[in-house]
């Protein structure tokens, strides 16, 4: 499924299930979900005591982040495919200058 199709699916899901809320809540939810991804990764290392070992519990947390990101993008009518293309071009230009970081901007 392409990003545009995912965005449409999430829009329809939110509409059908009356999941409207203020954008501030949507952004806080996105940040919270990213925190849950971080927590799962910490747990995979036993909080830094062991080498990283993948656990399947990470996958739904990544899905939560993607869902929340799409909700925020949809609120602002951001086409995620276009946004990603812009970012890839930005990183390509940075790499041509010698680094993927923003120190050359």
Protein backbone atom coordinates (compact mmCIF):
# COMPACT_ATOMS: atom_id res chain seq x y z
CA UNK A 1 0.00 0.00 0.00
CA UNK A 2 1.34 3.44 -0.88
CA UNK A 3 1.55 6.24 1.66
CA UNK A 4 -1.35 8.10 0.03
CA UNK A 5 -3.52 5.01 0.40
CA UNK A 6 -2.44 4.67 4.05
CA UNK A 7 -3.34 8.28 4.67
CA UNK A 8 -6.78 7.76 3.13
CA UNK A 9 -7.32 4.58 5.18
CA UNK A 10 -6.42 6.36 8.42
CA UNK A 11 -8.70 9.30 7.56
CA UNK A 12 -11.61 6.93 6.94
CA UNK A 13 -10.85 4.92 10.09
CA UNK A 14 -10.80 8.07 12.23
CA UNK A 15 -14.02 9.35 10.67
CA UNK A 16 -15.84 6.02 11.05
CA UNK A 17 -14.79 5.70 14.68
CA UNK A 18 -15.27 9.34 15.68
CA UNK A 19 -11.62 9.75 16.67
CA UNK A 20 -11.41 13.49 16.24
CA UNK A 21 -9.41 15.44 18.79
CA UNK A 22 -7.43 18.70 18.91
CA UNK A 23 -4.14 18.64 17.01
CA UNK A 24 -2.24 19.27 20.25
CA UNK A 25 -3.55 15.94 21.56
CA UNK A 26 -2.60 14.21 18.33
CA UNK A 27 0.97 15.53 18.53
CA UNK A 28 1.27 14.52 22.19
CA UNK A 29 0.04 11.06 21.24
CA UNK A 30 2.73 10.85 18.53
CA UNK A 31 5.44 11.81 21.02
CA UNK A 32 4.08 9.29 23.52
CA UNK A 33 4.15 6.52 20.93
CA UNK A 34 7.78 7.36 20.01
CA UNK A 35 8.57 7.09 23.72
CA UNK A 36 7.02 3.62 23.77
CA UNK A 37 9.29 2.59 20.87
CA UNK A 38 12.27 3.84 22.87
CA UNK A 39 11.09 1.89 25.92
CA UNK A 40 10.77 -1.34 23.91
CA UNK A 41 14.30 -0.88 22.55
CA UNK A 42 15.60 -0.28 26.07
CA UNK A 43 13.87 -3.46 27.19
CA UNK A 44 15.52 -5.33 24.31
CA UNK A 45 18.90 -4.44 25.83
CA UNK A 46 17.73 -5.09 29.38
CA UNK A 47 18.23 -1.37 29.92
CA UNK A 48 21.76 -1.37 28.52
CA UNK A 49 22.98 -4.50 30.29
CA UNK A 50 22.87 -6.80 27.24
CA UNK A 51 23.42 -6.52 23.48
CA UNK A 52 20.35 -5.50 21.50
CA UNK A 53 18.11 -8.45 20.68
CA UNK A 54 14.97 -7.87 18.61
CA UNK A 55 11.65 -8.69 20.25
CA UNK A 56 8.36 -8.82 18.36
CA UNK A 57 6.73 -6.34 20.77
CA UNK A 58 8.50 -3.55 18.86
CA UNK A 59 6.43 -4.02 15.69
CA UNK A 60 3.05 -2.82 17.05
CA UNK A 61 4.77 0.13 18.73
CA UNK A 62 6.25 1.14 15.37
CA UNK A 63 2.75 0.75 13.93
CA UNK A 64 1.38 3.08 16.61
CA UNK A 65 4.00 5.69 15.66
CA UNK A 66 3.14 5.40 11.98
CA UNK A 67 -0.58 5.70 12.70
CA UNK A 68 -0.07 8.75 14.92
CA UNK A 69 2.26 10.38 12.39
CA UNK A 70 -0.30 9.86 9.63
CA UNK A 71 -3.02 11.39 11.82
CA UNK A 72 -0.87 14.51 12.34
CA UNK A 73 0.06 14.72 8.65
CA UNK A 74 -3.59 14.35 7.66
CA UNK A 75 -4.61 17.16 10.00
CA UNK A 76 -2.25 19.52 8.19
CA UNK A 77 -3.03 18.02 4.75
CA UNK A 78 0.59 16.99 4.27
CA UNK A 79 1.20 14.46 1.52
CA UNK A 80 3.65 12.07 3.18
CA UNK A 81 5.03 10.81 -0.14
CA UNK A 82 5.93 14.37 -1.14
CA UNK A 83 7.33 15.09 2.31
CA UNK A 84 9.52 11.99 2.19
CA UNK A 85 10.76 12.84 -1.31
CA UNK A 86 11.75 16.33 -0.07
CA UNK A 87 13.63 14.84 2.88
CA UNK A 88 15.47 12.32 0.73
CA UNK A 89 16.56 15.12 -1.59
CA UNK A 90 17.71 17.16 1.42
CA UNK A 91 19.81 14.26 2.71
CA UNK A 92 21.22 13.62 -0.76
CA UNK A 93 22.45 17.23 -0.92
CA UNK A 94 23.91 16.98 2.58
CA UNK A 95 25.74 13.77 1.70
CA UNK A 96 27.17 15.44 -1.39
CA UNK A 97 28.65 18.02 1.00
CA UNK A 98 30.10 15.27 3.17
CA UNK A 99 27.61 14.52 5.94
CA UNK A 100 23.95 13.57 6.47
CA UNK A 101 23.81 16.02 9.39
CA UNK A 102 22.56 19.59 9.32
CA UNK A 103 25.91 21.19 10.15
CA UNK A 104 26.33 22.32 6.51
CA UNK A 105 23.04 24.21 6.32
